[in-house]
């Protein structure tokens, strides 16, 4: 066999093996993504009550309240984040800097603030 024919055959084999490997990798990635989404999204609706936090911002036009909160057991560690509120009137009496106690409910990660009140 001439050298150029050997090069063509080797390149064709490498191309076929590479395409097959890429296809297998894509299938694996798609399966992993589907499994991760099944674990992350959905599940039973839960409610966490009595969570302490501090109001950082109230965005009534968007229906969001930004809170720095303590750990929410079985859901997430303490952090500052925005939460959607169930009803637009919930954050009306609140302003930035208020210490609050609140409840969230939903199916993680899709949770909303269901109740909030100023803490004594």
PDB file of N, CA and C in Angstrom:
ATOM      1  N   UNK A   1       0.853  -1.167   0.000  1.00  0.00           N
ATOM      2  CA  UNK A   1       0.000   0.000   0.000  1.00  0.00           C
ATOM      3  C   UNK A   1       0.904   1.236   0.000  1.00  0.00           C
ATOM      4  N   UNK A   2       0.533   2.198  -0.781  1.00  0.00           N
ATOM      5  CA  UNK A   2       1.307   3.423  -0.875  1.00  0.00           C
ATOM      6  C   UNK A   2       1.089   4.239   0.402  1.00  0.00           C
ATOM      7  N   UNK A   3       2.034   5.107   0.707  1.00  0.00           N
ATOM      8  CA  UNK A   3       2.004   5.914   1.924  1.00  0.00           C
ATOM      9  C   UNK A   3       0.784   6.825   1.961  1.00  0.00           C
ATOM     10  N   UNK A   4       0.414   7.433   0.844  1.00  0.00           N
ATOM     11  CA  UNK A   4      -0.721   8.346   0.863  1.00  0.00           C
ATOM     12  C   UNK A   4      -2.026   7.609   1.113  1.00  0.00           C
ATOM     13  N   UNK A   5      -2.131   6.359   0.645  1.00  0.00           N
ATOM     14  CA  UNK A   5      -3.330   5.559   0.904  1.00  0.00           C
ATOM     15  C   UNK A   5      -3.414   5.201   2.386  1.00  0.00           C
ATOM     16  N   UNK A   6      -2.287   4.879   2.975  1.00  0.00           N
ATOM     17  CA  UNK A   6      -2.256   4.570   4.409  1.00  0.00           C
ATOM     18  C   UNK A   6      -2.669   5.782   5.225  1.00  0.00           C
ATOM     19  N   UNK A   7      -2.201   6.960   4.836  1.00  0.00           N
ATOM     20  CA  UNK A   7      -2.569   8.194   5.541  1.00  0.00           C
ATOM     21  C   UNK A   7      -4.065   8.438   5.420  1.00  0.00           C
ATOM     22  N   UNK A   8      -4.637   8.240   4.249  1.00  0.00           N
ATOM     23  CA  UNK A   8      -6.072   8.436   4.043  1.00  0.00           C
ATOM     24  C   UNK A   8      -6.865   7.450   4.897  1.00  0.00           C
ATOM     25  N   UNK A   9      -6.455   6.182   4.913  1.00  0.00           N
ATOM     26  CA  UNK A   9      -7.158   5.171   5.699  1.00  0.00           C
ATOM     27  C   UNK A   9      -7.072   5.495   7.191  1.00  0.00           C
ATOM     28  N   UNK A  10      -5.895   5.850   7.680  1.00  0.00           N
ATOM     29  CA  UNK A  10      -5.722   6.179   9.100  1.00  0.00           C
ATOM     30  C   UNK A  10      -6.561   7.405   9.454  1.00  0.00           C
ATOM     31  N   UNK A  11      -6.557   8.449   8.617  1.00  0.00           N
ATOM     32  CA  UNK A  11      -7.359   9.644   8.884  1.00  0.00           C
ATOM     33  C   UNK A  11      -8.852   9.325   8.883  1.00  0.00           C
ATOM     34  N   UNK A  12      -9.299   8.486   7.967  1.00  0.00           N
ATOM     35  CA  UNK A  12     -10.709   8.095   7.930  1.00  0.00           C
ATOM     36  C   UNK A  12     -11.097   7.344   9.200  1.00  0.00           C
ATOM     37  N   UNK A  13     -10.237   6.427   9.649  1.00  0.00           N
ATOM     38  CA  UNK A  13     -10.506   5.701  10.894  1.00  0.00           C
ATOM     39  C   UNK A  13     -10.547   6.642  12.095  1.00  0.00           C
ATOM     40  N   UNK A  14      -9.602   7.571  12.160  1.00  0.00           N
ATOM     41  CA  UNK A  14      -9.594   8.539  13.262  1.00  0.00           C
ATOM     42  C   UNK A  14     -10.858   9.394  13.244  1.00  0.00           C
ATOM     43  N   UNK A  15     -11.298   9.791  12.071  1.00  0.00           N
ATOM     44  CA  UNK A  15     -12.515  10.585  11.954  1.00  0.00           C
ATOM     45  C   UNK A  15     -13.737   9.803  12.433  1.00  0.00           C
ATOM     46  N   UNK A  16     -13.842   8.551  12.024  1.00  0.00           N
ATOM     47  CA  UNK A  16     -14.972   7.722  12.441  1.00  0.00           C
ATOM     48  C   UNK A  16     -14.948   7.472  13.951  1.00  0.00           C
ATOM     49  N   UNK A  17     -13.769   7.155  14.490  1.00  0.00           N
ATOM     50  CA  UNK A  17     -13.666   6.914  15.930  1.00  0.00           C
ATOM     51  C   UNK A  17     -13.958   8.184  16.714  1.00  0.00           C
ATOM     52  N   UNK A  18     -13.472   9.315  16.231  1.00  0.00           N
ATOM     53  CA  UNK A  18     -13.737  10.592  16.905  1.00  0.00           C
ATOM     54  C   UNK A  18     -15.213  10.932  16.899  1.00  0.00           C
ATOM     55  N   UNK A  19     -15.876  10.729  15.763  1.00  0.00           N
ATOM     56  CA  UNK A  19     -17.309  11.015  15.674  1.00  0.00           C
ATOM     57  C   UNK A  19     -18.096  10.093  16.596  1.00  0.00           C
ATOM     58  N   UNK A  20     -17.713   8.821  16.647  1.00  0.00           N
ATOM     59  CA  UNK A  20     -18.399   7.884  17.538  1.00  0.00           C
ATOM     60  C   UNK A  20     -18.195   8.247  18.996  1.00  0.00           C
ATOM     61  N   UNK A  21     -16.980   8.651  19.337  1.00  0.00           N
ATOM     62  CA  UNK A  21     -16.699   9.062  20.714  1.00  0.00           C
ATOM     63  C   UNK A  21     -17.464  10.311  21.097  1.00  0.00           C
ATOM     64  N   UNK A  22     -17.544  11.262  20.154  1.00  0.00           N
ATOM     65  CA  UNK A  22     -18.285  12.491  20.420  1.00  0.00           C
ATOM     66  C   UNK A  22     -19.763  12.202  20.614  1.00  0.00           C
ATOM     67  N   UNK A  23     -20.317  11.335  19.795  1.00  0.00           N
ATOM     68  CA  UNK A  23     -21.727  10.966  19.913  1.00  0.00           C
ATOM     69  C   UNK A  23     -21.998  10.303  21.264  1.00  0.00           C
ATOM     70  N   UNK A  24     -21.113   9.407  21.675  1.00  0.00           N
ATOM     71  CA  UNK A  24     -21.277   8.748  22.978  1.00  0.00           C
ATOM     72  C   UNK A  24     -21.172   9.768  24.107  1.00  0.00           C
ATOM     73  N   UNK A  25     -20.242  10.702  23.992  1.00  0.00           N
ATOM     74  CA  UNK A  25     -20.075  11.742  25.019  1.00  0.00           C
ATOM     75  C   UNK A  25     -21.334  12.605  25.103  1.00  0.00           C
ATOM     76  N   UNK A  26     -21.900  13.004  23.939  1.00  0.00           N
ATOM     77  CA  UNK A  26     -23.123  13.810  23.942  1.00  0.00           C
ATOM     78  C   UNK A  26     -24.272  13.081  24.597  1.00  0.00           C
ATOM     79  N   UNK A  27     -24.404  11.790  24.319  1.00  0.00           N
ATOM     80  CA  UNK A  27     -25.478  11.015  24.951  1.00  0.00           C
ATOM     81  C   UNK A  27     -25.294  10.975  26.464  1.00  0.00           C
ATOM     82  N   UNK A  28     -24.060  10.785  26.908  1.00  0.00           N
ATOM     83  CA  UNK A  28     -23.774  10.759  28.338  1.00  0.00           C
ATOM     84  C   UNK A  28     -24.095  12.102  28.977  1.00  0.00           C
ATOM     85  N   UNK A  29     -23.705  13.198  28.326  1.00  0.00           N
ATOM     86  CA  UNK A  29     -23.982  14.530  28.858  1.00  0.00           C
ATOM     87  C   UNK A  29     -25.491  14.778  28.937  1.00  0.00           C
ATOM     88  N   UNK A  30     -26.219  14.383  27.919  1.00  0.00           N
ATOM     89  CA  UNK A  30     -27.675  14.573  27.925  1.00  0.00           C
ATOM     90  C   UNK A  30     -28.327  13.758  29.033  1.00  0.00           C
ATOM     91  N   UNK A  31     -27.851  12.538  29.238  1.00  0.00           N
ATOM     92  CA  UNK A  31     -28.403  11.695  30.308  1.00  0.00           C
ATOM     93  C   UNK A  31     -28.083  12.292  31.675  1.00  0.00           C
ATOM     94  N   UNK A  32     -26.857  12.794  31.851  1.00  0.00           N
ATOM     95  CA  UNK A  32     -26.484  13.417  33.125  1.00  0.00           C
ATOM     96  C   UNK A  32     -27.308  14.671  33.386  1.00  0.00           C
ATOM     97  N   UNK A  33     -27.523  15.478  32.357  1.00  0.00           N
ATOM     98  CA  UNK A  33     -28.318  16.694  32.519  1.00  0.00           C
ATOM     99  C   UNK A  33     -29.759  16.356  32.883  1.00  0.00           C
ATOM    100  N   UNK A  34     -30.322  15.347  32.238  1.00  0.00           N
ATOM    101  CA  UNK A  34     -31.696  14.945  32.552  1.00  0.00           C
ATOM    102  C   UNK A  34     -31.801  14.423  33.979  1.00  0.00           C
ATOM    103  N   UNK A  35     -30.806  13.652  34.411  1.00  0.00           N
ATOM    104  CA  UNK A  35     -30.818  13.127  35.781  1.00  0.00           C
ATOM    105  C   UNK A  35     -30.674  14.256  36.787  1.00  0.00           C
ATOM    106  N   UNK A  36     -29.813  15.213  36.495  1.00  0.00           N
ATOM    107  CA  UNK A  36     -29.628  16.344  37.411  1.00  0.00           C
ATOM    108  C   UNK A  36     -30.891  17.179  37.505  1.00  0.00           C
ATOM    109  N   UNK A  37     -31.562  17.382  36.387  1.00  0.00           N
ATOM    110  CA  UNK A  37     -32.787  18.167  36.419  1.00  0.00           C
ATOM    111  C   UNK A  37     -33.890  17.428  37.163  1.00  0.00           C
ATOM    112  N   UNK A  38     -33.944  16.124  37.032  1.00  0.00           N
ATOM    113  CA  UNK A  38     -34.958  15.349  37.744  1.00  0.00           C
ATOM    114  C   UNK A  38     -34.737  15.438  39.244  1.00  0.00           C
ATOM    115  N   UNK A  39     -33.476  15.508  39.670  1.00  0.00           N
ATOM    116  CA  UNK A  39     -33.177  15.614  41.093  1.00  0.00           C
ATOM    117  C   UNK A  39     -33.426  17.023  41.589  1.00  0.00           C
ATOM    118  N   UNK A  40     -33.049  18.032  40.781  1.00  0.00           N
ATOM    119  CA  UNK A  40     -33.128  19.417  41.213  1.00  0.00           C
ATOM    120  C   UNK A  40     -34.542  19.979  41.159  1.00  0.00           C
ATOM    121  N   UNK A  41     -35.268  19.691  40.102  1.00  0.00           N
ATOM    122  CA  UNK A  41     -36.579  20.265  39.903  1.00  0.00           C
ATOM    123  C   UNK A  41     -37.664  19.303  40.382  1.00  0.00           C
ATOM    124  N   UNK A  42     -38.729  19.897  40.802  1.00  0.00           N
ATOM    125  CA  UNK A  42     -39.870  19.086  41.174  1.00  0.00           C
ATOM    126  C   UNK A  42     -39.737  18.513  42.566  1.00  0.00           C
ATOM    127  N   UNK A  43     -40.359  17.397  42.756  1.00  0.00           N
ATOM    128  CA  UNK A  43     -40.371  16.796  44.080  1.00  0.00           C
ATOM    129  C   UNK A  43     -41.563  17.313  44.856  1.00  0.00           C
ATOM    130  N   UNK A  44     -41.696  16.848  46.075  1.00  0.00           N
ATOM    131  CA  UNK A  44     -42.850  17.258  46.873  1.00  0.00           C
ATOM    132  C   UNK A  44     -42.751  18.714  47.306  1.00  0.00           C
ATOM    133  N   UNK A  45     -43.893  19.359  47.408  1.00  0.00           N
ATOM    134  CA  UNK A  45     -43.915  20.724  47.912  1.00  0.00           C
ATOM    135  C   UNK A  45     -43.672  20.692  49.411  1.00  0.00           C
ATOM    136  N   UNK A  46     -42.839  21.603  49.887  1.00  0.00           N
ATOM    137  CA  UNK A  46     -42.511  21.658  51.308  1.00  0.00           C
ATOM    138  C   UNK A  46     -42.709  23.075  51.813  1.00  0.00           C
ATOM    139  N   UNK A  47     -42.694  23.212  53.134  1.00  0.00           N
ATOM    140  CA  UNK A  47     -42.791  24.543  53.740  1.00  0.00           C
ATOM    141  C   UNK A  47     -41.799  24.632  54.885  1.00  0.00           C
ATOM    142  N   UNK A  48     -41.090  25.755  54.931  1.00  0.00           N
ATOM    143  CA  UNK A  48     -40.149  26.036  56.010  1.00  0.00           C
ATOM    144  C   UNK A  48     -40.641  27.296  56.703  1.00  0.00           C
ATOM    145  N   UNK A  49     -40.796  27.234  58.027  1.00  0.00           N
ATOM    146  CA  UNK A  49     -41.349  28.361  58.775  1.00  0.00           C
ATOM    147  C   UNK A  49     -40.358  28.834  59.826  1.00  0.00           C
ATOM    148  N   UNK A  50     -40.592  30.053  60.305  1.00  0.00           N
ATOM    149  CA  UNK A  50     -39.792  30.603  61.393  1.00  0.00           C
ATOM    150  C   UNK A  50     -38.355  30.928  61.023  1.00  0.00           C
ATOM    151  N   UNK A  51     -38.102  31.270  59.783  1.00  0.00           N
ATOM    152  CA  UNK A  51     -36.745  31.590  59.333  1.00  0.00           C
ATOM    153  C   UNK A  51     -36.477  33.061  59.654  1.00  0.00           C
ATOM    154  N   UNK A  52     -35.344  33.328  60.261  1.00  0.00           N
ATOM    155  CA  UNK A  52     -34.980  34.700  60.611  1.00  0.00           C
ATOM    156  C   UNK A  52     -34.122  35.299  59.508  1.00  0.00           C
ATOM    157  N   UNK A  53     -34.327  36.597  59.265  1.00  0.00           N
ATOM    158  CA  UNK A  53     -33.552  37.266  58.238  1.00  0.00           C
ATOM    159  C   UNK A  53     -33.627  38.769  58.371  1.00  0.00           C
ATOM    160  N   UNK A  54     -32.948  39.446  57.455  1.00  0.00           N
ATOM    161  CA  UNK A  54     -32.933  40.905  57.400  1.00  0.00           C
ATOM    162  C   UNK A  54     -33.294  41.318  55.979  1.00  0.00           C
ATOM    163  N   UNK A  55     -34.212  42.274  55.875  1.00  0.00           N
ATOM    164  CA  UNK A  55     -34.620  42.764  54.558  1.00  0.00           C
ATOM    165  C   UNK A  55     -33.502  43.622  53.988  1.00  0.00           C
ATOM    166  N   UNK A  56     -33.109  43.347  52.765  1.00  0.00           N
ATOM    167  CA  UNK A  56     -32.080  44.139  52.077  1.00  0.00           C
ATOM    168  C   UNK A  56     -32.704  45.051  51.032  1.00  0.00           C
ATOM    169  N   UNK A  57     -33.794  44.607  50.410  1.00  0.00           N
ATOM    170  CA  UNK A  57     -34.488  45.433  49.414  1.00  0.00           C
ATOM    171  C   UNK A  57     -35.883  44.876  49.198  1.00  0.00           C
ATOM    172  N   UNK A  58     -36.798  45.770  48.844  1.00  0.00           N
ATOM    173  CA  UNK A  58     -38.166  45.377  48.490  1.00  0.00           C
ATOM    174  C   UNK A  58     -38.414  45.905  47.081  1.00  0.00           C
ATOM    175  N   UNK A  59     -38.758  45.005  46.178  1.00  0.00           N
ATOM    176  CA  UNK A  59     -39.012  45.365  44.782  1.00  0.00           C
ATOM    177  C   UNK A  59     -40.462  45.012  44.443  1.00  0.00           C
ATOM    178  N   UNK A  60     -41.415  45.856  44.868  1.00  0.00           N
ATOM    179  CA  UNK A  60     -42.827  45.511  44.697  1.00  0.00           C
ATOM    180  C   UNK A  60     -43.250  45.378  43.241  1.00  0.00           C
ATOM    181  N   UNK A  61     -42.630  46.137  42.334  1.00  0.00           N
ATOM    182  CA  UNK A  61     -43.008  46.032  40.914  1.00  0.00           C
ATOM    183  C   UNK A  61     -42.698  44.656  40.353  1.00  0.00           C
ATOM    184  N   UNK A  62     -41.669  44.008  40.887  1.00  0.00           N
ATOM    185  CA  UNK A  62     -41.279  42.678  40.430  1.00  0.00           C
ATOM    186  C   UNK A  62     -41.831  41.566  41.313  1.00  0.00           C
ATOM    187  N   UNK A  63     -42.407  41.935  42.470  1.00  0.00           N
ATOM    188  CA  UNK A  63     -42.908  40.933  43.405  1.00  0.00           C
ATOM    189  C   UNK A  63     -41.777  40.161  44.073  1.00  0.00           C
ATOM    190  N   UNK A  64     -40.658  40.855  44.337  1.00  0.00           N
ATOM    191  CA  UNK A  64     -39.476  40.216  44.924  1.00  0.00           C
ATOM    192  C   UNK A  64     -39.061  40.967  46.174  1.00  0.00           C
ATOM    193  N   UNK A  65     -38.625  40.209  47.161  1.00  0.00           N
ATOM    194  CA  UNK A  65     -38.028  40.789  48.366  1.00  0.00           C
ATOM    195  C   UNK A  65     -36.649  40.149  48.531  1.00  0.00           C
ATOM    196  N   UNK A  66     -35.633  40.977  48.752  1.00  0.00           N
ATOM    197  CA  UNK A  66     -34.265  40.489  48.909  1.00  0.00           C
ATOM    198  C   UNK A  66     -33.985  40.378  50.406  1.00  0.00           C
ATOM    199  N   UNK A  67     -33.593  39.181  50.836  1.00  0.00           N
ATOM    200  CA  UNK A  67     -33.378  38.896  52.254  1.00  0.00           C
ATOM    201  C   UNK A  67     -32.007  38.276  52.482  1.00  0.00           C
ATOM    202  N   UNK A  68     -31.389  38.647  53.597  1.00  0.00           N
ATOM    203  CA  UNK A  68     -30.243  37.901  54.111  1.00  0.00           C
ATOM    204  C   UNK A  68     -30.837  36.997  55.172  1.00  0.00           C
ATOM    205  N   UNK A  69     -30.718  35.682  54.989  1.00  0.00           N
ATOM    206  CA  UNK A  69     -31.399  34.756  55.900  1.00  0.00           C
ATOM    207  C   UNK A  69     -30.432  33.753  56.506  1.00  0.00           C
ATOM    208  N   UNK A  70     -30.877  33.149  57.611  1.00  0.00           N
ATOM    209  CA  UNK A  70     -30.123  32.084  58.251  1.00  0.00           C
ATOM    210  C   UNK A  70     -30.275  30.800  57.452  1.00  0.00           C
ATOM    211  N   UNK A  71     -29.599  29.754  57.895  1.00  0.00           N
ATOM    212  CA  UNK A  71     -29.735  28.455  57.225  1.00  0.00           C
ATOM    213  C   UNK A  71     -31.202  28.021  57.210  1.00  0.00           C
ATOM    214  N   UNK A  72     -31.620  27.468  56.086  1.00  0.00           N
ATOM    215  CA  UNK A  72     -32.950  26.878  55.982  1.00  0.00           C
ATOM    216  C   UNK A  72     -32.717  25.374  55.986  1.00  0.00           C
ATOM    217  N   UNK A  73     -32.957  24.707  57.133  1.00  0.00           N
ATOM    218  CA  UNK A  73     -32.612  23.291  57.273  1.00  0.00           C
ATOM    219  C   UNK A  73     -33.232  22.418  56.176  1.00  0.00           C
ATOM    220  N   UNK A  74     -32.408  21.603  55.562  1.00  0.00           N
ATOM    221  CA  UNK A  74     -32.869  20.712  54.516  1.00  0.00           C
ATOM    222  C   UNK A  74     -33.079  21.383  53.175  1.00  0.00           C
ATOM    223  N   UNK A  75     -32.700  22.679  53.056  1.00  0.00           N
ATOM    224  CA  UNK A  75     -32.887  23.362  51.779  1.00  0.00           C
ATOM    225  C   UNK A  75     -31.629  24.100  51.337  1.00  0.00           C
ATOM    226  N   UNK A  76     -31.163  25.080  52.138  1.00  0.00           N
ATOM    227  CA  UNK A  76     -29.991  25.848  51.716  1.00  0.00           C
ATOM    228  C   UNK A  76     -29.318  26.508  52.911  1.00  0.00           C
ATOM    229  N   UNK A  77     -28.021  26.823  52.749  1.00  0.00           N
ATOM    230  CA  UNK A  77     -27.328  27.537  53.809  1.00  0.00           C
ATOM    231  C   UNK A  77     -27.746  29.004  53.810  1.00  0.00           C
ATOM    232  N   UNK A  78     -27.376  29.710  54.875  1.00  0.00           N
ATOM    233  CA  UNK A  78     -27.687  31.129  54.959  1.00  0.00           C
ATOM    234  C   UNK A  78     -27.001  31.911  53.853  1.00  0.00           C
ATOM    235  N   UNK A  79     -27.700  32.898  53.328  1.00  0.00           N
ATOM    236  CA  UNK A  79     -27.168  33.722  52.238  1.00  0.00           C
ATOM    237  C   UNK A  79     -28.067  34.921  52.014  1.00  0.00           C
ATOM    238  N   UNK A  80     -27.693  35.773  51.081  1.00  0.00           N
ATOM    239  CA  UNK A  80     -28.545  36.877  50.660  1.00  0.00           C
ATOM    240  C   UNK A  80     -29.074  36.539  49.280  1.00  0.00           C
ATOM    241  N   UNK A  81     -30.381  36.599  49.119  1.00  0.00           N
ATOM    242  CA  UNK A  81     -30.981  36.277  47.829  1.00  0.00           C
ATOM    243  C   UNK A  81     -32.364  36.893  47.715  1.00  0.00           C
ATOM    244  N   UNK A  82     -32.854  36.947  46.500  1.00  0.00           N
ATOM    245  CA  UNK A  82     -34.196  37.454  46.259  1.00  0.00           C
ATOM    246  C   UNK A  82     -35.205  36.321  46.250  1.00  0.00           C
ATOM    247  N   UNK A  83     -36.343  36.569  46.857  1.00  0.00           N
ATOM    248  CA  UNK A  83     -37.439  35.601  46.873  1.00  0.00           C
ATOM    249  C   UNK A  83     -38.659  36.245  46.224  1.00  0.00           C
ATOM    250  N   UNK A  84     -39.390  35.479  45.457  1.00  0.00           N
ATOM    251  CA  UNK A  84     -40.698  35.932  44.983  1.00  0.00           C
ATOM    252  C   UNK A  84     -41.653  35.850  46.167  1.00  0.00           C
ATOM    253  N   UNK A  85     -42.668  36.703  46.147  1.00  0.00           N
ATOM    254  CA  UNK A  85     -43.680  36.672  47.205  1.00  0.00           C
ATOM    255  C   UNK A  85     -44.994  36.174  46.626  1.00  0.00           C
ATOM    256  N   UNK A  86     -45.783  35.499  47.470  1.00  0.00           N
ATOM    257  CA  UNK A  86     -47.060  34.935  47.027  1.00  0.00           C
ATOM    258  C   UNK A  86     -48.018  36.043  46.617  1.00  0.00           C
ATOM    259  N   UNK A  87     -48.140  37.050  47.464  1.00  0.00           N
ATOM    260  CA  UNK A  87     -49.069  38.149  47.193  1.00  0.00           C
ATOM    261  C   UNK A  87     -48.296  39.466  47.204  1.00  0.00           C
ATOM    262  N   UNK A  88     -48.621  40.373  46.317  1.00  0.00           N
ATOM    263  CA  UNK A  88     -47.876  41.628  46.252  1.00  0.00           C
ATOM    264  C   UNK A  88     -47.960  42.464  47.522  1.00  0.00           C
ATOM    265  N   UNK A  89     -48.984  42.280  48.346  1.00  0.00           N
ATOM    266  CA  UNK A  89     -49.122  43.110  49.545  1.00  0.00           C
ATOM    267  C   UNK A  89     -48.232  42.648  50.697  1.00  0.00           C
ATOM    268  N   UNK A  90     -47.616  41.491  50.618  1.00  0.00           N
ATOM    269  CA  UNK A  90     -46.791  40.997  51.718  1.00  0.00           C
ATOM    270  C   UNK A  90     -45.677  41.962  52.099  1.00  0.00           C
ATOM    271  N   UNK A  91     -44.882  42.478  51.158  1.00  0.00           N
ATOM    272  CA  UNK A  91     -43.774  43.332  51.589  1.00  0.00           C
ATOM    273  C   UNK A  91     -44.132  44.790  51.839  1.00  0.00           C
ATOM    274  N   UNK A  92     -45.412  45.192  51.762  1.00  0.00           N
ATOM    275  CA  UNK A  92     -45.775  46.597  51.917  1.00  0.00           C
ATOM    276  C   UNK A  92     -45.247  47.255  53.192  1.00  0.00           C
ATOM    277  N   UNK A  93     -45.418  46.673  54.377  1.00  0.00           N
ATOM    278  CA  UNK A  93     -44.980  47.372  55.589  1.00  0.00           C
ATOM    279  C   UNK A  93     -43.473  47.246  55.848  1.00  0.00           C
ATOM    280  N   UNK A  94     -42.737  46.619  54.973  1.00  0.00           N
ATOM    281  CA  UNK A  94     -41.321  46.366  55.216  1.00  0.00           C
ATOM    282  C   UNK A  94     -40.434  47.344  54.467  1.00  0.00           C
ATOM    283  N   UNK A  95     -39.231  47.568  55.044  1.00  0.00           N
ATOM    284  CA  UNK A  95     -38.238  48.391  54.362  1.00  0.00           C
ATOM    285  C   UNK A  95     -36.863  47.807  54.633  1.00  0.00           C
ATOM    286  N   UNK A  96     -35.882  48.259  53.889  1.00  0.00           N
ATOM    287  CA  UNK A  96     -34.523  47.737  54.027  1.00  0.00           C
ATOM    288  C   UNK A  96     -34.022  47.928  55.454  1.00  0.00           C
ATOM    289  N   UNK A  97     -33.400  46.900  55.991  1.00  0.00           N
ATOM    290  CA  UNK A  97     -32.855  46.944  57.352  1.00  0.00           C
ATOM    291  C   UNK A  97     -33.752  46.318  58.398  1.00  0.00           C
ATOM    292  N   UNK A  98     -35.011  46.046  58.073  1.00  0.00           N
ATOM    293  CA  UNK A  98     -35.934  45.423  59.032  1.00  0.00           C
ATOM    294  C   UNK A  98     -35.522  43.977  59.305  1.00  0.00           C
ATOM    295  N   UNK A  99     -35.563  43.585  60.576  1.00  0.00           N
ATOM    296  CA  UNK A  99     -35.356  42.190  60.955  1.00  0.00           C
ATOM    297  C   UNK A  99     -36.708  41.503  60.869  1.00  0.00           C
ATOM    298  N   UNK A 100     -36.736  40.340  60.199  1.00  0.00           N
ATOM    299  CA  UNK A 100     -38.009  39.673  59.950  1.00  0.00           C
ATOM    300  C   UNK A 100     -37.933  38.186  60.280  1.00  0.00           C
ATOM    301  N   UNK A 101     -39.114  37.599  60.397  1.00  0.00           N
ATOM    302  CA  UNK A 101     -39.285  36.152  60.482  1.00  0.00           C
ATOM    303  C   UNK A 101     -40.227  35.799  59.340  1.00  0.00           C
ATOM    304  N   UNK A 102     -39.854  34.799  58.534  1.00  0.00           N
ATOM    305  CA  UNK A 102     -40.649  34.503  57.352  1.00  0.00           C
ATOM    306  C   UNK A 102     -40.767  33.010  57.108  1.00  0.00           C
ATOM    307  N   UNK A 103     -41.681  32.667  56.216  1.00  0.00           N
ATOM    308  CA  UNK A 103     -41.902  31.281  55.804  1.00  0.00           C
ATOM    309  C   UNK A 103     -41.787  31.210  54.292  1.00  0.00           C
ATOM    310  N   UNK A 104     -41.225  30.108  53.811  1.00  0.00           N
ATOM    311  CA  UNK A 104     -41.181  29.856  52.366  1.00  0.00           C
ATOM    312  C   UNK A 104     -41.827  28.510  52.101  1.00  0.00           C
ATOM    313  N   UNK A 105     -42.411  28.385  50.928  1.00  0.00           N
ATOM    314  CA  UNK A 105     -43.002  27.111  50.550  1.00  0.00           C
ATOM    315  C   UNK A 105     -42.825  26.906  49.054  1.00  0.00           C
ATOM    316  N   UNK A 106     -42.857  25.660  48.664  1.00  0.00           N
ATOM    317  CA  UNK A 106     -42.741  25.336  47.253  1.00  0.00           C
ATOM    318  C   UNK A 106     -41.977  24.048  47.056  1.00  0.00           C
ATOM    319  N   UNK A 107     -41.656  23.804  45.813  1.00  0.00           N
ATOM    320  CA  UNK A 107     -40.899  22.631  45.430  1.00  0.00           C
ATOM    321  C   UNK A 107     -39.525  23.117  44.982  1.00  0.00           C
ATOM    322  N   UNK A 108     -38.479  22.894  45.792  1.00  0.00           N
ATOM    323  CA  UNK A 108     -37.159  23.449  45.474  1.00  0.00           C
ATOM    324  C   UNK A 108     -36.745  23.139  44.052  1.00  0.00           C
ATOM    325  N   UNK A 109     -36.157  24.087  43.360  1.00  0.00           N
ATOM    326  CA  UNK A 109     -35.730  25.411  43.797  1.00  0.00           C
ATOM    327  C   UNK A 109     -36.788  26.486  43.600  1.00  0.00           C
ATOM    328  N   UNK A 110     -38.000  26.119  43.284  1.00  0.00           N
ATOM    329  CA  UNK A 110     -39.060  27.087  43.026  1.00  0.00           C
ATOM    330  C   UNK A 110     -39.862  27.338  44.295  1.00  0.00           C
ATOM    331  N   UNK A 111     -39.320  28.182  45.174  1.00  0.00           N
ATOM    332  CA  UNK A 111     -40.000  28.493  46.426  1.00  0.00           C
ATOM    333  C   UNK A 111     -40.358  29.972  46.457  1.00  0.00           C
ATOM    334  N   UNK A 112     -41.385  30.294  47.231  1.00  0.00           N
ATOM    335  CA  UNK A 112     -41.840  31.676  47.376  1.00  0.00           C
ATOM    336  C   UNK A 112     -42.036  31.979  48.851  1.00  0.00           C
ATOM    337  N   UNK A 113     -41.939  33.264  49.201  1.00  0.00           N
ATOM    338  CA  UNK A 113     -42.229  33.682  50.566  1.00  0.00           C
ATOM    339  C   UNK A 113     -43.740  33.674  50.722  1.00  0.00           C
ATOM    340  N   UNK A 114     -44.212  32.860  51.672  1.00  0.00           N
ATOM    341  CA  UNK A 114     -45.655  32.746  51.867  1.00  0.00           C
ATOM    342  C   UNK A 114     -46.146  33.622  53.014  1.00  0.00           C
ATOM    343  N   UNK A 115     -45.268  33.952  53.952  1.00  0.00           N
ATOM    344  CA  UNK A 115     -45.638  34.819  55.080  1.00  0.00           C
ATOM    345  C   UNK A 115     -44.370  35.511  55.566  1.00  0.00           C
ATOM    346  N   UNK A 116     -44.542  36.752  56.000  1.00  0.00           N
ATOM    347  CA  UNK A 116     -43.396  37.494  56.542  1.00  0.00           C
ATOM    348  C   UNK A 116     -43.908  38.518  57.538  1.00  0.00           C
ATOM    349  N   UNK A 117     -43.150  38.693  58.630  1.00  0.00           N
ATOM    350  CA  UNK A 117     -43.523  39.673  59.648  1.00  0.00           C
ATOM    351  C   UNK A 117     -42.267  40.229  60.284  1.00  0.00           C
ATOM    352  N   UNK A 118     -42.356  41.452  60.804  1.00  0.00           N
ATOM    353  CA  UNK A 118     -41.224  42.033  61.501  1.00  0.00           C
ATOM    354  C   UNK A 118     -40.981  41.245  62.781  1.00  0.00           C
ATOM    355  N   UNK A 119     -39.715  40.983  63.051  1.00  0.00           N
ATOM    356  CA  UNK A 119     -39.368  40.247  64.276  1.00  0.00           C
ATOM    357  C   UNK A 119     -39.235  41.250  65.417  1.00  0.00           C
ATOM    358  N   UNK A 120     -39.613  40.812  66.619  1.00  0.00           N
ATOM    359  CA  UNK A 120     -39.496  41.731  67.770  1.00  0.00           C
ATOM    360  C   UNK A 120     -38.049  41.977  68.136  1.00  0.00           C
TER     361      UNK A 120
END
